[in-house]
Each structure stands twice: as C-alpha cells, then as structure tokens.
Amino acid sequence: MLIFRKQARHNEFEMYDLMVAAAAERHAKHTHVIVDTWPKLTDMKENVILGSFSWLGMSSHTRWIKRATSIAVGEYIATPGDVARDYLKIKYPNRRRISYEQRGEIMRHRSQPLYALPAYIPDATYLDIKSAYWSIMSIVGWDVDYFPGRWIGIGEAMDDFPFAGHKLARNCLVTSGLNSAASIWMYEKQKPVARNFGNTFINFQLWALVQDILNGIALELYNEDIIYYANTDGFILNTKDRTAAASIISAWGLPARDKKRGRCSVFGAGKYRFGDNENAEQAPGNHTRLFGIHDVPNARWLRARLNDLSELAQPALGWEN
C-alpha cells in the first residue's frame, strides 16, 4: 500500500515566528488584561463576548484573559483558542471542501462516548487513550479527507505545531473546526444572548473521524464486557482486564496509558471515586446505568485503516503499540 503524505510547509520554528507575528497583530487591536477571576458582568458598561478562555469588550476592545489557561507566545499572551486558530489560519488558508454525498455521512449526529455502570470495584484501573485528539491528528492530519466506509485521505503533517505539549491548545485544533454560537452579554438587556458569527475553520470531517474512532473503541470494550465507565477517551475497568483493554486500543493504532489504580466506586457520568479510604468503599446506591455510546457502522474497516496509517506514522510520532 503506497501512501504519500504532504510535508509541512514550515518547520516548527518558522511556524512559531509566524504565530508570534499573529499574536502581535492581535495585541495591536485589543488591550489585553490578565485576570484570575472574571469581572462582574453587571458592572460592565458594554456588550461582552463571553468565551471559555477570554472575554471581549465589543466597544472598548478589551480582552480579559484567564491567567490559568493563558499561553505565552513570544512576548505576548494568548489563549489556547488563539493558538489553535492562528496555526490553522497560517497552515490552511483555504476553506475545506466536501462533496454533497460525503457531507450527508459526515453530518450525521456524533458525540463523545459516555457510559456508566454503577459499581464498586476493589481493584480498578483508569485507562485512557494517550493524548487522544492529538494522537489521531498526528496520524491523519487536521485536514484529513474522511468518507465513512470509503476512504481516509491523510492530510498535511502536524510536526510544525509549536504547542504540541499543551493539551488545551491541541484539543482546540479539533473544536475550532465546529460551528458553535457565541454567548454575548447584552449590557442594555442585562442578559446573555446567543449569536453565530460563522467559522472559517469548519472541519466536520475531523470531528466525525475522531468521534467514530472513540465510539468504536468504547463500543468494542463494552461488547467485551470490560468497562464500567467510559467518558470520551478514558475508561474504568477491573485491573485484571487491563491488558485486554490496552490490546483493543492498540488494535486501533493508538497508545494507551494508566492514569489511576485502586479501589473505585462508579456512580454515574463524570462521577466516580478512586482512593484507599472509607468513601471509596461506599456502594453506588440508587444511581442508574447510563449508556451513551454510538454505533459505528464501519467500525471494522475504520479500525483496520487507522491501524495501517498508525504503523506508517509511528516512527515520526515516537511511540509504539
């Protein structure tokens, strides 16, 4: 099988310099204020765009940036979203194109896998896919061409991204491709409203591929009766099943890692407790089972294809399965 990957147009250092220039341009347009807590909205005298990492005063052009998630880009400060969008704008100046038929498959509803079987596990392991979003992008590229069940066309190499070690910045590369409404605090109405400003970085192909992979893995673990809990890329299971679970993840061409081990109680979605203490032994009580794993019609094809691409990419990625 011959697969040709387009190499990045810039190396990591050239890309970093270009991103510093983009940050400088943004600082020339807006006053940046670093905060530990958000200002009080009712004290604002202007409309304010409310983001996860920053707020923007629409009249004063003031940006309030949360210190905890801020990133230094040269002598300038930026958010994880800034870093992702600057990188994408430099690397992919043209909009993604997609056929009508392909769009119908890509736009089918998808979301992260979510599963919880309330239980007390005397010896549990929390196993996750190491840097799941980044690991997948490193294999297929941000500009992957994906048609479920037909092809995965790998995109340009991602080895020029200067912030590969920053989890939030990496994840924003994926979420920046979604079309979501912004929340704006309306000063005169004293309430927030939703508004869609559009998105030049729309990339539902990457989102669809990532969610198909994560749901495919979660469903395989569920069908093998291995997991008590799944949330996006993390799984809680009996430690005796750890090897089997890691083998399933490896068969998808992705690396697995242990994050926690010990006594564990699973209560529900996002609700579990690890620890050698009395609380960890409490029974889940009346909590109910939750199942939110989506079927992936072409899971076997997808697993085989991703594993093949992973084997080709591993020497450059620096990890092995």
C-alpha atoms as a PDB file:
ATOM      1  CA  MET A   1       0.000   0.000   0.000  1.00  0.00           C
ATOM      2  CA  LEU A   2       1.541   3.299  -1.118  1.00  0.00           C
ATOM      3  CA  ILE A   3       0.572   6.344   0.939  1.00  0.00           C
ATOM      4  CA  PHE A   4       2.045   9.766   0.311  1.00  0.00           C
ATOM      5  CA  ARG A   5       1.867  12.444   2.982  1.00  0.00           C
ATOM      6  CA  LYS A   6       2.321  16.097   2.203  1.00  0.00           C
ATOM      7  CA  GLN A   7       5.052  17.541   4.374  1.00  0.00           C
ATOM      8  CA  ALA A   8       4.500  20.691   6.400  1.00  0.00           C
ATOM      9  CA  ARG A   9       5.386  23.885   4.550  1.00  0.00           C
ATOM     10  CA  HIS A  10       7.101  25.355   7.609  1.00  0.00           C
ATOM     11  CA  ASN A  11       9.235  23.820  10.302  1.00  0.00           C
ATOM     12  CA  GLU A  12       8.263  24.282  13.958  1.00  0.00           C
ATOM     13  CA  PHE A  13      10.498  27.335  14.437  1.00  0.00           C
ATOM     14  CA  GLU A  14       9.267  29.119  11.317  1.00  0.00           C
ATOM     15  CA  MET A  15       5.688  28.430  12.354  1.00  0.00           C
ATOM     16  CA  TYR A  16       6.347  29.784  15.846  1.00  0.00           C
ATOM     17  CA  ASP A  17       7.698  33.056  14.405  1.00  0.00           C
ATOM     18  CA  LEU A  18       4.597  33.414  12.236  1.00  0.00           C
ATOM     19  CA  MET A  19       2.364  32.779  15.255  1.00  0.00           C
ATOM     20  CA  VAL A  20       4.236  35.413  17.273  1.00  0.00           C
ATOM     21  CA  ALA A  21       3.519  37.886  14.465  1.00  0.00           C
ATOM     22  CA  ALA A  22      -0.183  36.945  14.588  1.00  0.00           C
ATOM     23  CA  ALA A  23      -0.222  37.473  18.368  1.00  0.00           C
ATOM     24  CA  ALA A  24       1.440  40.874  17.945  1.00  0.00           C
ATOM     25  CA  GLU A  25      -1.249  41.885  15.437  1.00  0.00           C
ATOM     26  CA  ARG A  26      -3.975  40.863  17.876  1.00  0.00           C
ATOM     27  CA  HIS A  27      -2.349  42.851  20.711  1.00  0.00           C
ATOM     28  CA  ALA A  28      -2.230  45.912  18.463  1.00  0.00           C
ATOM     29  CA  LYS A  29      -6.013  45.705  18.029  1.00  0.00           C
ATOM     30  CA  HIS A  30      -7.029  44.916  21.615  1.00  0.00           C
ATOM     31  CA  THR A  31      -5.990  45.787  25.147  1.00  0.00           C
ATOM     32  CA  HIS A  32      -5.192  42.549  26.984  1.00  0.00           C
ATOM     33  CA  VAL A  33      -5.863  42.169  30.700  1.00  0.00           C
ATOM     34  CA  ILE A  34      -4.864  39.052  32.634  1.00  0.00           C
ATOM     35  CA  VAL A  35      -7.364  38.080  35.346  1.00  0.00           C
ATOM     36  CA  ASP A  36      -7.663  35.328  37.929  1.00  0.00           C
ATOM     37  CA  THR A  37     -11.454  35.662  38.073  1.00  0.00           C
ATOM     38  CA  TRP A  38     -13.875  37.126  35.555  1.00  0.00           C
ATOM     39  CA  PRO A  39     -15.114  40.691  36.068  1.00  0.00           C
ATOM     40  CA  LYS A  40     -18.668  41.102  37.334  1.00  0.00           C
ATOM     41  CA  LEU A  41     -20.963  41.227  34.302  1.00  0.00           C
ATOM     42  CA  THR A  42     -23.476  43.554  35.908  1.00  0.00           C
ATOM     43  CA  ASP A  43     -20.688  46.124  36.287  1.00  0.00           C
ATOM     44  CA  MET A  44     -19.930  46.103  32.547  1.00  0.00           C
ATOM     45  CA  LYS A  45     -20.942  49.185  30.537  1.00  0.00           C
ATOM     46  CA  GLU A  46     -20.733  47.476  27.137  1.00  0.00           C
ATOM     47  CA  ASN A  47     -21.672  44.270  25.339  1.00  0.00           C
ATOM     48  CA  VAL A  48     -19.203  41.484  26.051  1.00  0.00           C
ATOM     49  CA  ILE A  49     -18.448  38.294  24.089  1.00  0.00           C
ATOM     50  CA  LEU A  50     -18.112  35.513  26.654  1.00  0.00           C
ATOM     51  CA  GLY A  51     -15.626  32.768  25.815  1.00  0.00           C
ATOM     52  CA  SER A  52     -14.206  29.869  27.776  1.00  0.00           C
ATOM     53  CA  PHE A  53     -10.709  31.358  27.926  1.00  0.00           C
ATOM     54  CA  SER A  54     -11.315  35.071  27.306  1.00  0.00           C
ATOM     55  CA  TRP A  55     -13.959  37.801  27.266  1.00  0.00           C
ATOM     56  CA  LEU A  56     -14.002  40.640  24.740  1.00  0.00           C
ATOM     57  CA  GLY A  57     -15.497  44.073  25.322  1.00  0.00           C
ATOM     58  CA  MET A  58     -17.059  44.994  21.973  1.00  0.00           C
ATOM     59  CA  SER A  59     -16.775  48.772  22.454  1.00  0.00           C
ATOM     60  CA  SER A  60     -13.553  49.120  24.454  1.00  0.00           C
ATOM     61  CA  HIS A  61     -11.759  46.312  22.562  1.00  0.00           C
ATOM     62  CA  THR A  62     -10.531  44.993  25.883  1.00  0.00           C
ATOM     63  CA  ARG A  63      -9.774  41.278  26.201  1.00  0.00           C
ATOM     64  CA  TRP A  64      -9.866  39.716  29.647  1.00  0.00           C
ATOM     65  CA  ILE A  65      -7.829  36.504  29.625  1.00  0.00           C
ATOM     66  CA  LYS A  66      -7.854  33.867  32.348  1.00  0.00           C
ATOM     67  CA  ARG A  67      -4.368  33.501  33.808  1.00  0.00           C
ATOM     68  CA  ALA A  68      -4.754  29.765  34.468  1.00  0.00           C
ATOM     69  CA  THR A  69      -5.220  28.916  30.777  1.00  0.00           C
ATOM     70  CA  SER A  70      -3.127  31.676  29.185  1.00  0.00           C
ATOM     71  CA  ILE A  71      -0.193  30.825  26.914  1.00  0.00           C
ATOM     72  CA  ALA A  72       2.928  32.922  26.274  1.00  0.00           C
ATOM     73  CA  VAL A  73       3.595  33.384  22.557  1.00  0.00           C
ATOM     74  CA  GLY A  74       6.841  35.287  22.369  1.00  0.00           C
ATOM     75  CA  GLU A  75       6.332  38.395  24.495  1.00  0.00           C
ATOM     76  CA  TYR A  76       2.563  38.252  24.008  1.00  0.00           C
ATOM     77  CA  ILE A  77      -0.224  36.467  25.844  1.00  0.00           C
ATOM     78  CA  ALA A  78      -2.760  34.235  24.118  1.00  0.00           C
ATOM     79  CA  THR A  79      -5.488  31.700  24.826  1.00  0.00           C
ATOM     80  CA  PRO A  80      -5.499  28.054  23.701  1.00  0.00           C
ATOM     81  CA  GLY A  81      -8.135  29.027  21.140  1.00  0.00           C
ATOM     82  CA  ASP A  82      -5.942  31.881  19.830  1.00  0.00           C
ATOM     83  CA  VAL A  83      -3.035  29.488  19.377  1.00  0.00           C
ATOM     84  CA  ALA A  84      -5.157  26.918  17.522  1.00  0.00           C
ATOM     85  CA  ARG A  85      -6.829  29.464  15.217  1.00  0.00           C
ATOM     86  CA  ASP A  86      -3.558  31.270  14.412  1.00  0.00           C
ATOM     87  CA  TYR A  87      -1.937  27.965  13.489  1.00  0.00           C
ATOM     88  CA  LEU A  88      -4.872  26.886  11.329  1.00  0.00           C
ATOM     89  CA  LYS A  89      -5.075  30.261   9.570  1.00  0.00           C
ATOM     90  CA  ILE A  90      -1.378  30.122   8.666  1.00  0.00           C
ATOM     91  CA  LYS A  91      -1.276  26.455   7.704  1.00  0.00           C
ATOM     92  CA  TYR A  92      -4.651  26.097   5.960  1.00  0.00           C
ATOM     93  CA  PRO A  93      -5.575  29.426   4.327  1.00  0.00           C
ATOM     94  CA  ASN A  94      -8.299  27.847   2.161  1.00  0.00           C
ATOM     95  CA  ARG A  95     -11.672  26.510   3.312  1.00  0.00           C
ATOM     96  CA  ARG A  96     -12.212  22.736   3.417  1.00  0.00           C
ATOM     97  CA  ARG A  97     -14.244  21.309   0.539  1.00  0.00           C
ATOM     98  CA  ILE A  98     -16.610  18.350   0.740  1.00  0.00           C
ATOM     99  CA  SER A  99     -18.954  16.622  -1.723  1.00  0.00           C
ATOM    100  CA  TYR A 100     -22.715  16.587  -1.213  1.00  0.00           C
ATOM    101  CA  GLU A 101     -22.798  12.807  -0.717  1.00  0.00           C
ATOM    102  CA  GLN A 102     -19.861  12.889   1.671  1.00  0.00           C
ATOM    103  CA  ARG A 103     -21.453  15.702   3.662  1.00  0.00           C
ATOM    104  CA  GLY A 104     -24.539  13.578   4.274  1.00  0.00           C
ATOM    105  CA  GLU A 105     -22.407  10.954   6.027  1.00  0.00           C
ATOM    106  CA  ILE A 106     -20.212  13.441   7.870  1.00  0.00           C
ATOM    107  CA  MET A 107     -23.102  15.489   9.270  1.00  0.00           C
ATOM    108  CA  ARG A 108     -24.790  12.510  10.928  1.00  0.00           C
ATOM    109  CA  HIS A 109     -25.060  13.262  14.653  1.00  0.00           C
ATOM    110  CA  ARG A 110     -21.991  12.306  16.659  1.00  0.00           C
ATOM    111  CA  SER A 111     -20.855  12.907  20.217  1.00  0.00           C
ATOM    112  CA  GLN A 112     -18.246  11.592  22.635  1.00  0.00           C
ATOM    113  CA  PRO A 113     -18.903   8.154  24.115  1.00  0.00           C
ATOM    114  CA  LEU A 114     -20.385   8.181  27.607  1.00  0.00           C
ATOM    115  CA  TYR A 115     -21.164   5.120  29.707  1.00  0.00           C
ATOM    116  CA  ALA A 116     -21.532   4.349  33.406  1.00  0.00           C
ATOM    117  CA  LEU A 117     -22.408   1.127  35.189  1.00  0.00           C
ATOM    118  CA  PRO A 118     -22.657   1.972  38.910  1.00  0.00           C
ATOM    119  CA  ALA A 119     -20.450  -0.464  40.809  1.00  0.00           C
ATOM    120  CA  TYR A 120     -17.775  -0.850  43.448  1.00  0.00           C
ATOM    121  CA  ILE A 121     -14.517  -2.262  42.027  1.00  0.00           C
ATOM    122  CA  PRO A 122     -11.942  -3.424  44.635  1.00  0.00           C
ATOM    123  CA  ASP A 123      -9.032  -3.202  42.153  1.00  0.00           C
ATOM    124  CA  ALA A 124      -9.774  -0.812  39.304  1.00  0.00           C
ATOM    125  CA  THR A 125      -7.667   0.894  36.641  1.00  0.00           C
ATOM    126  CA  TYR A 126      -8.432   4.132  34.847  1.00  0.00           C
ATOM    127  CA  LEU A 127      -7.066   3.573  31.346  1.00  0.00           C
ATOM    128  CA  ASP A 128      -7.099   6.245  28.682  1.00  0.00           C
ATOM    129  CA  ILE A 129      -6.009   6.804  25.105  1.00  0.00           C
ATOM    130  CA  LYS A 130      -2.864   8.874  25.445  1.00  0.00           C
ATOM    131  CA  SER A 131      -3.475  12.414  24.124  1.00  0.00           C
ATOM    132  CA  ALA A 132      -6.351  11.010  22.075  1.00  0.00           C
ATOM    133  CA  TYR A 133      -7.182  14.022  19.886  1.00  0.00           C
ATOM    134  CA  TRP A 134      -3.529  14.790  19.216  1.00  0.00           C
ATOM    135  CA  SER A 135      -2.617  11.147  18.610  1.00  0.00           C
ATOM    136  CA  ILE A 136      -5.343  10.872  15.958  1.00  0.00           C
ATOM    137  CA  MET A 137      -4.431  14.181  14.309  1.00  0.00           C
ATOM    138  CA  SER A 138      -0.764  13.163  14.263  1.00  0.00           C
ATOM    139  CA  ILE A 139      -1.723  10.101  12.244  1.00  0.00           C
ATOM    140  CA  VAL A 140      -4.239  11.583   9.785  1.00  0.00           C
ATOM    141  CA  GLY A 141      -3.601  15.355   9.840  1.00  0.00           C
ATOM    142  CA  TRP A 142      -6.038  18.148  10.665  1.00  0.00           C
ATOM    143  CA  ASP A 143      -7.057  18.376   7.004  1.00  0.00           C
ATOM    144  CA  VAL A 144      -7.951  14.679   6.773  1.00  0.00           C
ATOM    145  CA  ASP A 145     -10.339  13.712   3.976  1.00  0.00           C
ATOM    146  CA  TYR A 146     -12.834  11.283   5.544  1.00  0.00           C
ATOM    147  CA  PHE A 147     -15.719   9.450   3.942  1.00  0.00           C
ATOM    148  CA  PRO A 148     -17.000   6.806   6.405  1.00  0.00           C
ATOM    149  CA  GLY A 149     -16.665   3.306   4.979  1.00  0.00           C
ATOM    150  CA  ARG A 150     -14.933   4.508   1.814  1.00  0.00           C
ATOM    151  CA  TRP A 151     -11.682   6.328   2.483  1.00  0.00           C
ATOM    152  CA  ILE A 152      -9.405   8.189   4.870  1.00  0.00           C
ATOM    153  CA  GLY A 153      -7.172  10.569   2.942  1.00  0.00           C
ATOM    154  CA  ILE A 154      -4.339  11.684   5.198  1.00  0.00           C
ATOM    155  CA  GLY A 155      -3.583  15.390   5.336  1.00  0.00           C
ATOM    156  CA  GLU A 156      -0.525  17.518   5.860  1.00  0.00           C
ATOM    157  CA  ALA A 157       1.928  16.533   8.620  1.00  0.00           C
ATOM    158  CA  MET A 158       1.371  18.228  12.009  1.00  0.00           C
ATOM    159  CA  ASP A 159       5.009  18.239  13.163  1.00  0.00           C
ATOM    160  CA  ASP A 160       5.207  22.024  12.778  1.00  0.00           C
ATOM    161  CA  PHE A 161       2.734  22.762  15.606  1.00  0.00           C
ATOM    162  CA  PRO A 162       4.842  24.563  18.250  1.00  0.00           C
ATOM    163  CA  PHE A 163       2.448  23.845  21.148  1.00  0.00           C
ATOM    164  CA  ALA A 164       2.140  20.074  20.848  1.00  0.00           C
ATOM    165  CA  GLY A 165       2.855  19.779  24.577  1.00  0.00           C
ATOM    166  CA  HIS A 166      -0.137  21.928  25.571  1.00  0.00           C
ATOM    167  CA  LYS A 167      -3.284  19.810  25.984  1.00  0.00           C
ATOM    168  CA  LEU A 168      -5.853  22.618  25.683  1.00  0.00           C
ATOM    169  CA  ALA A 169      -4.176  24.052  22.587  1.00  0.00           C
ATOM    170  CA  ARG A 170      -4.100  20.590  20.987  1.00  0.00           C
ATOM    171  CA  ASN A 171      -7.773  19.955  21.736  1.00  0.00           C
ATOM    172  CA  CYS A 172      -8.747  23.379  20.388  1.00  0.00           C
ATOM    173  CA  LEU A 173      -7.408  22.309  16.996  1.00  0.00           C
ATOM    174  CA  VAL A 174     -10.320  19.855  16.839  1.00  0.00           C
ATOM    175  CA  THR A 175     -13.028  22.009  18.445  1.00  0.00           C
ATOM    176  CA  SER A 176     -12.054  25.035  16.318  1.00  0.00           C
ATOM    177  CA  GLY A 177     -13.489  23.113  13.372  1.00  0.00           C
ATOM    178  CA  LEU A 178     -17.000  23.099  14.855  1.00  0.00           C
ATOM    179  CA  ASN A 179     -19.711  25.692  14.313  1.00  0.00           C
ATOM    180  CA  SER A 180     -20.930  26.888  17.696  1.00  0.00           C
ATOM    181  CA  ALA A 181     -22.786  30.005  18.759  1.00  0.00           C
ATOM    182  CA  ALA A 182     -21.071  32.617  20.899  1.00  0.00           C
ATOM    183  CA  SER A 183     -22.625  33.926  24.103  1.00  0.00           C
ATOM    184  CA  ILE A 184     -22.827  37.721  24.329  1.00  0.00           C
ATOM    185  CA  TRP A 185     -23.679  39.677  27.449  1.00  0.00           C
ATOM    186  CA  MET A 186     -26.046  42.474  26.378  1.00  0.00           C
ATOM    187  CA  TYR A 187     -25.454  45.488  28.579  1.00  0.00           C
ATOM    188  CA  GLU A 188     -28.805  47.197  27.983  1.00  0.00           C
ATOM    189  CA  LYS A 189     -30.842  43.999  28.400  1.00  0.00           C
ATOM    190  CA  GLN A 190     -28.677  42.745  31.277  1.00  0.00           C
ATOM    191  CA  LYS A 191     -28.771  39.191  29.976  1.00  0.00           C
ATOM    192  CA  PRO A 192     -26.772  36.904  27.647  1.00  0.00           C
ATOM    193  CA  VAL A 193     -27.860  36.053  24.113  1.00  0.00           C
ATOM    194  CA  ALA A 194     -26.508  33.534  21.600  1.00  0.00           C
ATOM    195  CA  ARG A 195     -25.155  34.682  18.256  1.00  0.00           C
ATOM    196  CA  ASN A 196     -23.456  32.797  15.434  1.00  0.00           C
ATOM    197  CA  PHE A 197     -20.524  34.668  13.882  1.00  0.00           C
ATOM    198  CA  GLY A 198     -19.643  31.884  11.441  1.00  0.00           C
ATOM    199  CA  ASN A 199     -16.414  29.920  11.341  1.00  0.00           C
ATOM    200  CA  THR A 200     -13.789  29.957   8.580  1.00  0.00           C
ATOM    201  CA  PHE A 201     -12.169  26.828  10.031  1.00  0.00           C
ATOM    202  CA  ILE A 202     -15.176  24.496   9.711  1.00  0.00           C
ATOM    203  CA  ASN A 203     -13.902  20.915   9.608  1.00  0.00           C
ATOM    204  CA  PHE A 204     -16.596  18.380  10.396  1.00  0.00           C
ATOM    205  CA  GLN A 205     -14.578  15.631   8.723  1.00  0.00           C
ATOM    206  CA  LEU A 206     -12.013  15.621  11.529  1.00  0.00           C
ATOM    207  CA  TRP A 207     -14.707  15.790  14.220  1.00  0.00           C
ATOM    208  CA  ALA A 208     -16.620  12.908  12.626  1.00  0.00           C
ATOM    209  CA  LEU A 209     -13.494  10.765  12.330  1.00  0.00           C
ATOM    210  CA  VAL A 210     -12.400  11.403  15.932  1.00  0.00           C
ATOM    211  CA  GLN A 211     -15.848  10.581  17.325  1.00  0.00           C
ATOM    212  CA  ASP A 212     -16.187   7.468  15.153  1.00  0.00           C
ATOM    213  CA  ILE A 213     -12.837   6.238  16.474  1.00  0.00           C
ATOM    214  CA  LEU A 214     -13.631   6.987  20.131  1.00  0.00           C
ATOM    215  CA  ASN A 215     -17.100   5.427  19.929  1.00  0.00           C
ATOM    216  CA  GLY A 216     -15.733   2.439  18.016  1.00  0.00           C
ATOM    217  CA  ILE A 217     -13.188   1.750  20.746  1.00  0.00           C
ATOM    218  CA  ALA A 218     -15.708   2.296  23.564  1.00  0.00           C
ATOM    219  CA  LEU A 219     -18.251   0.008  21.915  1.00  0.00           C
ATOM    220  CA  GLU A 220     -15.678  -2.740  21.440  1.00  0.00           C
ATOM    221  CA  LEU A 221     -14.682  -2.516  25.119  1.00  0.00           C
ATOM    222  CA  TYR A 222     -18.362  -2.573  26.110  1.00  0.00           C
ATOM    223  CA  ASN A 223     -19.130  -5.584  23.920  1.00  0.00           C
ATOM    224  CA  GLU A 224     -16.239  -7.450  25.515  1.00  0.00           C
ATOM    225  CA  ASP A 225     -17.822  -6.716  28.922  1.00  0.00           C
ATOM    226  CA  ILE A 226     -14.653  -4.960  30.089  1.00  0.00           C
ATOM    227  CA  ILE A 227     -15.658  -1.446  31.145  1.00  0.00           C
ATOM    228  CA  TYR A 228     -17.717   0.024  33.979  1.00  0.00           C
ATOM    229  CA  TYR A 229     -17.227   3.607  32.801  1.00  0.00           C
ATOM    230  CA  ALA A 230     -16.348   5.482  29.598  1.00  0.00           C
ATOM    231  CA  ASN A 231     -16.023   9.210  29.014  1.00  0.00           C
ATOM    232  CA  THR A 232     -14.558  10.394  25.697  1.00  0.00           C
ATOM    233  CA  ASP A 233     -11.109   8.739  25.766  1.00  0.00           C
ATOM    234  CA  GLY A 234     -10.986   7.355  29.342  1.00  0.00           C
ATOM    235  CA  PHE A 235     -12.219   4.051  30.752  1.00  0.00           C
ATOM    236  CA  ILE A 236     -12.596   2.489  34.203  1.00  0.00           C
ATOM    237  CA  LEU A 237     -12.236  -1.286  34.359  1.00  0.00           C
ATOM    238  CA  ASN A 238     -11.198  -4.162  36.555  1.00  0.00           C
ATOM    239  CA  THR A 239      -7.405  -4.265  36.649  1.00  0.00           C
ATOM    240  CA  LYS A 240      -7.443  -7.930  35.586  1.00  0.00           C
ATOM    241  CA  ASP A 241      -8.904  -6.747  32.249  1.00  0.00           C
ATOM    242  CA  ARG A 242      -6.302  -4.035  31.732  1.00  0.00           C
ATOM    243  CA  THR A 243      -4.180  -5.999  29.234  1.00  0.00           C
ATOM    244  CA  ALA A 244      -7.207  -6.940  27.130  1.00  0.00           C
ATOM    245  CA  ALA A 245      -8.417  -3.335  27.081  1.00  0.00           C
ATOM    246  CA  ALA A 246      -4.998  -1.966  26.091  1.00  0.00           C
ATOM    247  CA  SER A 247      -4.813  -4.556  23.298  1.00  0.00           C
ATOM    248  CA  ILE A 248      -8.129  -3.335  21.880  1.00  0.00           C
ATOM    249  CA  ILE A 249      -6.925   0.284  21.918  1.00  0.00           C
ATOM    250  CA  SER A 250      -3.630  -0.805  20.329  1.00  0.00           C
ATOM    251  CA  ALA A 251      -5.551  -2.626  17.564  1.00  0.00           C
ATOM    252  CA  TRP A 252      -6.918   0.805  16.609  1.00  0.00           C
ATOM    253  CA  GLY A 253      -3.336   2.049  16.249  1.00  0.00           C
ATOM    254  CA  LEU A 254      -3.441   4.254  19.349  1.00  0.00           C
ATOM    255  CA  PRO A 255      -1.376   4.284  22.577  1.00  0.00           C
ATOM    256  CA  ALA A 256      -2.962   3.500  25.973  1.00  0.00           C
ATOM    257  CA  ARG A 257      -1.754   4.578  29.405  1.00  0.00           C
ATOM    258  CA  ASP A 258      -2.717   4.030  33.044  1.00  0.00           C
ATOM    259  CA  LYS A 259      -3.860   7.132  34.908  1.00  0.00           C
ATOM    260  CA  LYS A 260      -5.171   5.688  38.191  1.00  0.00           C
ATOM    261  CA  ARG A 261      -5.375   2.400  40.046  1.00  0.00           C
ATOM    262  CA  GLY A 262      -7.025   1.391  43.310  1.00  0.00           C
ATOM    263  CA  ARG A 263     -10.397   0.892  44.889  1.00  0.00           C
ATOM    264  CA  CYS A 264     -13.077   2.680  42.905  1.00  0.00           C
ATOM    265  CA  SER A 265     -16.786   3.425  43.049  1.00  0.00           C
ATOM    266  CA  VAL A 266     -18.555   4.381  39.825  1.00  0.00           C
ATOM    267  CA  PHE A 267     -21.680   6.457  40.446  1.00  0.00           C
ATOM    268  CA  GLY A 268     -22.602   7.866  37.028  1.00  0.00           C
ATOM    269  CA  ALA A 269     -21.494  10.110  34.178  1.00  0.00           C
ATOM    270  CA  GLY A 270     -18.430  12.030  35.337  1.00  0.00           C
ATOM    271  CA  LYS A 271     -18.989  10.667  38.850  1.00  0.00           C
ATOM    272  CA  TYR A 272     -16.527   8.163  40.266  1.00  0.00           C
ATOM    273  CA  ARG A 273     -14.163   7.961  43.211  1.00  0.00           C
ATOM    274  CA  PHE A 274     -10.732   6.369  43.486  1.00  0.00           C
ATOM    275  CA  GLY A 275      -8.877   6.016  46.740  1.00  0.00           C
ATOM    276  CA  ASP A 276      -7.904   3.815  49.656  1.00  0.00           C
ATOM    277  CA  ASN A 277     -10.374   5.328  52.090  1.00  0.00           C
ATOM    278  CA  GLU A 278     -13.779   4.587  53.526  1.00  0.00           C
ATOM    279  CA  ASN A 279     -15.595   6.750  50.985  1.00  0.00           C
ATOM    280  CA  ALA A 280     -14.230   4.674  48.091  1.00  0.00           C
ATOM    281  CA  GLU A 281     -15.972   1.615  49.526  1.00  0.00           C
ATOM    282  CA  GLN A 282     -19.409   3.173  49.588  1.00  0.00           C
ATOM    283  CA  ALA A 283     -21.891   1.318  47.401  1.00  0.00           C
ATOM    284  CA  PRO A 284     -23.204   3.263  44.376  1.00  0.00           C
ATOM    285  CA  GLY A 285     -26.666   3.190  45.927  1.00  0.00           C
ATOM    286  CA  ASN A 286     -29.594   4.132  43.692  1.00  0.00           C
ATOM    287  CA  HIS A 287     -27.546   5.562  40.825  1.00  0.00           C
ATOM    288  CA  THR A 288     -28.687   4.280  37.436  1.00  0.00           C
ATOM    289  CA  ARG A 289     -26.818   2.857  34.471  1.00  0.00           C
ATOM    290  CA  LEU A 290     -26.119   5.280  31.612  1.00  0.00           C
ATOM    291  CA  PHE A 291     -25.448   4.231  28.020  1.00  0.00           C
ATOM    292  CA  GLY A 292     -24.339   6.856  25.502  1.00  0.00           C
ATOM    293  CA  ILE A 293     -22.067   5.030  23.059  1.00  0.00           C
ATOM    294  CA  HIS A 294     -22.960   5.493  19.391  1.00  0.00           C
ATOM    295  CA  ASP A 295     -22.888   2.686  16.860  1.00  0.00           C
ATOM    296  CA  VAL A 296     -20.165   2.975  14.192  1.00  0.00           C
ATOM    297  CA  PRO A 297     -21.450   1.093  11.105  1.00  0.00           C
ATOM    298  CA  ASN A 298     -17.995   0.704   9.523  1.00  0.00           C
ATOM    299  CA  ALA A 299     -16.031   0.079  12.725  1.00  0.00           C
ATOM    300  CA  ARG A 300     -14.022  -2.907  11.434  1.00  0.00           C
ATOM    301  CA  TRP A 301     -12.993  -1.054   8.287  1.00  0.00           C
ATOM    302  CA  LEU A 302     -12.104   2.050  10.321  1.00  0.00           C
ATOM    303  CA  ARG A 303     -10.037   0.100  12.856  1.00  0.00           C
ATOM    304  CA  ALA A 304      -8.020  -1.671  10.150  1.00  0.00           C
ATOM    305  CA  ARG A 305      -7.457   1.523   8.171  1.00  0.00           C
ATOM    306  CA  LEU A 306      -6.390   3.575  11.187  1.00  0.00           C
ATOM    307  CA  ASN A 307      -4.044   0.824  12.372  1.00  0.00           C
ATOM    308  CA  ASP A 308      -2.362   0.727   8.945  1.00  0.00           C
ATOM    309  CA  LEU A 309      -1.912   4.506   8.933  1.00  0.00           C
ATOM    310  CA  SER A 310      -0.623   4.434  12.513  1.00  0.00           C
ATOM    311  CA  GLU A 311       2.064   1.872  11.667  1.00  0.00           C
ATOM    312  CA  LEU A 312       3.329   4.167   8.921  1.00  0.00           C
ATOM    313  CA  ALA A 313       3.281   7.212  11.193  1.00  0.00           C
ATOM    314  CA  GLN A 314       4.793   5.699  14.359  1.00  0.00           C
ATOM    315  CA  PRO A 315       8.492   6.286  13.546  1.00  0.00           C
ATOM    316  CA  ALA A 316       7.770  10.027  13.264  1.00  0.00           C
ATOM    317  CA  LEU A 317       5.461  10.043  16.307  1.00  0.00           C
ATOM    318  CA  GLY A 318       7.979   8.442  18.631  1.00  0.00           C
ATOM    319  CA  TRP A 319       5.621   5.898  20.237  1.00  0.00           C
ATOM    320  CA  GLU A 320       4.949   2.253  19.724  1.00  0.00           C
ATOM    321  CA  ASN A 321       1.954  -0.018  20.162  1.00  0.00           C
END
